[in-house]
Structure formats: structure tokens, C-alpha cells
C-alpha atoms as a PDB file:
ATOM      1  CA  MET A   1      -0.068  -0.044   0.115  1.00  0.00           C
ATOM      2  CA  THR A   2       0.958   3.472  -0.760  1.00  0.00           C
ATOM      3  CA  GLU A   3       2.042   5.827   2.037  1.00  0.00           C
ATOM      4  CA  THR A   4      -0.422   8.800   1.927  1.00  0.00           C
ATOM      5  CA  THR A   5      -0.398  12.348   3.698  1.00  0.00           C
ATOM      6  CA  THR A   6      -3.332  14.151   5.070  1.00  0.00           C
ATOM      7  CA  ILE A   7      -3.322  18.093   4.630  1.00  0.00           C
ATOM      8  CA  SER A   8      -5.939  20.569   5.003  1.00  0.00           C
ATOM      9  CA  VAL A   9      -6.918  23.183   1.975  1.00  0.00           C
ATOM     10  CA  ARG A  10      -8.481  26.367   2.376  1.00  0.00           C
ATOM     11  CA  LEU A  11     -10.743  27.279  -0.872  1.00  0.00           C
ATOM     12  CA  SER A  12     -12.591  30.330  -1.888  1.00  0.00           C
ATOM     13  CA  PRO A  13     -16.501  29.859  -1.837  1.00  0.00           C
ATOM     14  CA  ALA A  14     -15.990  29.856  -5.684  1.00  0.00           C
ATOM     15  CA  GLU A  15     -13.508  27.075  -5.925  1.00  0.00           C
ATOM     16  CA  ASN A  16     -15.471  24.836  -3.323  1.00  0.00           C
ATOM     17  CA  ALA A  17     -18.805  25.333  -5.301  1.00  0.00           C
ATOM     18  CA  TRP A  18     -16.665  24.265  -8.616  1.00  0.00           C
ATOM     19  CA  LEU A  19     -14.959  21.209  -6.720  1.00  0.00           C
ATOM     20  CA  SER A  20     -18.493  19.978  -5.465  1.00  0.00           C
ATOM     21  CA  LEU A  21     -19.962  20.111  -8.774  1.00  0.00           C
ATOM     22  CA  ARG A  22     -17.177  18.474 -10.174  1.00  0.00           C
ATOM     23  CA  LYS A  23     -17.560  15.810  -7.577  1.00  0.00           C
ATOM     24  CA  ARG A  24     -21.306  15.195  -8.056  1.00  0.00           C
ATOM     25  CA  GLU A  25     -20.709  15.229 -12.029  1.00  0.00           C
ATOM     26  CA  ASN A  26     -18.260  12.414 -11.732  1.00  0.00           C
ATOM     27  CA  ARG A  27     -19.918  10.740  -8.754  1.00  0.00           C
ATOM     28  CA  SER A  28     -17.034  10.720  -6.634  1.00  0.00           C
ATOM     29  CA  SER A  29     -15.373  12.297  -3.632  1.00  0.00           C
ATOM     30  CA  VAL A  30     -13.822  15.513  -3.176  1.00  0.00           C
ATOM     31  CA  ASN A  31     -10.563  13.642  -1.875  1.00  0.00           C
ATOM     32  CA  VAL A  32     -10.903  11.473  -5.529  1.00  0.00           C
ATOM     33  CA  GLU A  33     -11.288  14.756  -7.427  1.00  0.00           C
ATOM     34  CA  ILE A  34      -8.249  16.621  -5.882  1.00  0.00           C
ATOM     35  CA  VAL A  35      -6.123  13.603  -6.254  1.00  0.00           C
ATOM     36  CA  ASN A  36      -7.245  13.459 -10.041  1.00  0.00           C
ATOM     37  CA  ILE A  37      -6.465  17.171 -10.437  1.00  0.00           C
ATOM     38  CA  VAL A  38      -2.913  16.906  -8.681  1.00  0.00           C
ATOM     39  CA  ARG A  39      -1.970  13.816 -10.977  1.00  0.00           C
ATOM     40  CA  ALA A  40      -3.247  15.547 -14.214  1.00  0.00           C
ATOM     41  CA  ALA A  41      -0.753  18.432 -13.003  1.00  0.00           C
ATOM     42  CA  MET A  42       2.049  16.086 -12.404  1.00  0.00           C
ATOM     43  CA  SER A  43       1.605  14.458 -15.493  1.00  0.00           C
ATOM     44  CA  ALA A  44       2.059  17.679 -17.613  1.00  0.00           C
ATOM     45  CA  ASP A  45       4.847  18.797 -15.012  1.00  0.00           C
ATOM     46  CA  PRO A  46       6.442  15.549 -13.739  1.00  0.00           C
ATOM     47  CA  LEU A  47       8.651  15.717 -10.610  1.00  0.00           C
ATOM     48  CA  THR A  48      12.087  15.480 -11.124  1.00  0.00           C
ATOM     49  CA  ILE A  49      15.389  14.926  -9.167  1.00  0.00           C
ATOM     50  CA  PHE A  50      18.497  16.730 -10.343  1.00  0.00           C
ATOM     51  CA  VAL A  51      21.889  15.725  -9.756  1.00  0.00           C
ATOM     52  CA  HIS A  52      24.190  18.801 -10.022  1.00  0.00           C
ATOM     53  CA  GLU A  53      27.877  18.846 -10.581  1.00  0.00           C
ATOM     54  CA  CYS A  54      29.324  22.134  -9.606  1.00  0.00           C
ATOM     55  CA  SER A  55      32.628  23.676 -10.185  1.00  0.00           C
ATOM     56  CA  VAL A  56      34.002  26.396  -7.951  1.00  0.00           C
ATOM     57  CA  PRO A  57      37.630  27.688  -8.089  1.00  0.00           C
ATOM     58  CA  GLY A  58      39.815  24.931  -6.702  1.00  0.00           C
ATOM     59  CA  ASP A  59      36.880  22.268  -5.950  1.00  0.00           C
ATOM     60  CA  THR A  60      33.893  20.482  -7.687  1.00  0.00           C
ATOM     61  CA  PHE A  61      31.176  19.010  -5.662  1.00  0.00           C
ATOM     62  CA  PHE A  62      27.835  17.195  -6.198  1.00  0.00           C
ATOM     63  CA  THR A  63      24.303  18.323  -4.974  1.00  0.00           C
ATOM     64  CA  ALA A  64      20.950  16.564  -5.389  1.00  0.00           C
ATOM     65  CA  SER A  65      17.609  18.034  -5.192  1.00  0.00           C
ATOM     66  CA  ILE A  66      13.920  17.427  -6.016  1.00  0.00           C
ATOM     67  CA  GLY A  67      13.502  19.771  -8.586  1.00  0.00           C
ATOM     68  CA  LYS A  68      16.184  22.179 -10.186  1.00  0.00           C
ATOM     69  CA  TYR A  69      16.105  24.374  -7.611  1.00  0.00           C
ATOM     70  CA  GLY A  70      14.916  22.785  -4.843  1.00  0.00           C
ATOM     71  CA  ASP A  71      16.419  22.382  -1.405  1.00  0.00           C
ATOM     72  CA  ASP A  72      19.288  19.875  -1.674  1.00  0.00           C
ATOM     73  CA  PHE A  73      18.941  16.541   0.291  1.00  0.00           C
ATOM     74  CA  TYR A  74      22.550  15.711  -0.697  1.00  0.00           C
ATOM     75  CA  GLU A  75      25.802  17.526  -0.904  1.00  0.00           C
ATOM     76  CA  GLY A  76      29.463  16.159  -1.240  1.00  0.00           C
ATOM     77  CA  SER A  77      32.359  15.540  -3.022  1.00  0.00           C
ATOM     78  CA  ASP A  78      31.541  12.118  -4.483  1.00  0.00           C
ATOM     79  CA  ARG A  79      29.762  11.704  -7.812  1.00  0.00           C
ATOM     80  CA  ALA A  80      28.543   8.058  -7.121  1.00  0.00           C
ATOM     81  CA  ALA A  81      27.278   8.990  -3.773  1.00  0.00           C
ATOM     82  CA  ALA A  82      25.132  11.604  -5.124  1.00  0.00           C
ATOM     83  CA  PHE A  83      23.558   9.336  -7.731  1.00  0.00           C
ATOM     84  CA  ALA A  84      22.818   6.916  -4.947  1.00  0.00           C
ATOM     85  CA  ALA A  85      20.999   9.427  -2.997  1.00  0.00           C
ATOM     86  CA  ALA A  86      19.136  10.377  -6.107  1.00  0.00           C
ATOM     87  CA  ARG A  87      18.099   6.776  -6.786  1.00  0.00           C
ATOM     88  CA  ALA A  88      17.204   6.308  -2.955  1.00  0.00           C
ATOM     89  CA  LYS A  89      15.004   9.475  -3.162  1.00  0.00           C
ATOM     90  CA  ALA A  90      13.516   8.491  -6.629  1.00  0.00           C
ATOM     91  CA  LYS A  91      12.727   4.961  -4.818  1.00  0.00           C
ATOM     92  CA  GLU A  92      11.366   6.722  -1.527  1.00  0.00           C
ATOM     93  CA  LEU A  93       8.979   8.885  -4.087  1.00  0.00           C
ATOM     94  CA  ALA A  94       8.162   5.924  -6.366  1.00  0.00           C
ATOM     95  CA  LEU A  95       9.608   7.736  -9.437  1.00  0.00           C
ATOM     96  CA  PRO A  96      10.880   6.122 -12.297  1.00  0.00           C
ATOM     97  CA  ARG A  97      14.796   6.197 -12.730  1.00  0.00           C
ATOM     98  CA  ASP A  98      14.358   8.361 -15.770  1.00  0.00           C
ATOM     99  CA  ALA A  99      13.177  11.161 -13.134  1.00  0.00           C
ATOM    100  CA  ILE A 100      16.729  11.707 -12.423  1.00  0.00           C
ATOM    101  CA  ARG A 101      18.590  14.354 -14.368  1.00  0.00           C
ATOM    102  CA  PHE A 102      22.237  15.487 -14.442  1.00  0.00           C
ATOM    103  CA  THR A 103      23.490  19.402 -14.800  1.00  0.00           C
ATOM    104  CA  VAL A 104      26.991  20.911 -14.926  1.00  0.00           C
ATOM    105  CA  GLU A 105      27.232  24.124 -13.240  1.00  0.00           C
ATOM    106  CA  SER A 106      30.251  26.176 -13.273  1.00  0.00           C
ATOM    107  CA  PHE A 107      30.813  29.211 -10.548  1.00  0.00           C
ATOM    108  CA  MET A 108      34.185  29.926 -11.747  1.00  0.00           C
ATOM    109  CA  THR A 109      35.121  33.746 -11.599  1.00  0.00           C
ATOM    110  CA  GLU A 110      37.473  35.212 -14.457  1.00  0.00           C
ATOM    111  CA  THR A 111      40.014  36.998 -13.366  1.00  0.00           C
ATOM    112  CA  ALA A 112      40.869  40.301 -15.016  1.00  0.00           C
ATOM    113  CA  SER A 113      44.117  41.129 -16.909  1.00  0.00           C
ATOM    114  CA  ALA A 114      46.210  43.974 -16.301  1.00  0.00           C
END
């Protein structure tokens, strides 16, 4: 069985009326309607895990995050460990392995010539 999370959502009266109408028309529940809406949005914009190779003067390190600019759940100097952390996170979130992307970012500063 898949683990679930319970959340509380605040809706405007118009949003609530729309959701209630949709629920009646589809003969389902508010929960089913919300889950279907979220799944449709996720299908259009899938969740992706990024492994970033970051170069700074004198060092290269790796980070892994949910989404390109999400908070890092891994940071270290080992590329293999970064990918292992990304695979573990993908498994935890029940994402396919192709949900993992790799990027290279350089933070090297150029020195001005005299």
C-alpha cells in the first residue's frame, strides 16, 4: 500500500462550489477529485530529481535536489554517492529512474587581465 499524507486546504467559495459540482458530476468524492487534479498537473509537469555537478575555484562538488532549484537533500564530493542518494530518493517517492537528471554548473570567476 502506498503511504499517504493528509493535508488541509482552504478554498474560496467559488473554488469550493466548482469542486463540489465536479464531485457530483463525476460521482466521486472531493478527495478523489483533488487527487485526480494533482495527478493531471503532475503528468504535465513531472517531479524530477536533479544531480548537479558544481565547479568552484579549486573544487568540484555534487548536490541532489527535488526539482532543479529545490532544497538539496545531498551535498558532497562523491559523484557516485550523489547518484546513489538520487536513486534512493526516486525510490522513496516511487519515481522512475528516468526522473533523475544531471546538470553541470560552473561558478568559476574570471580574473581581469592587467
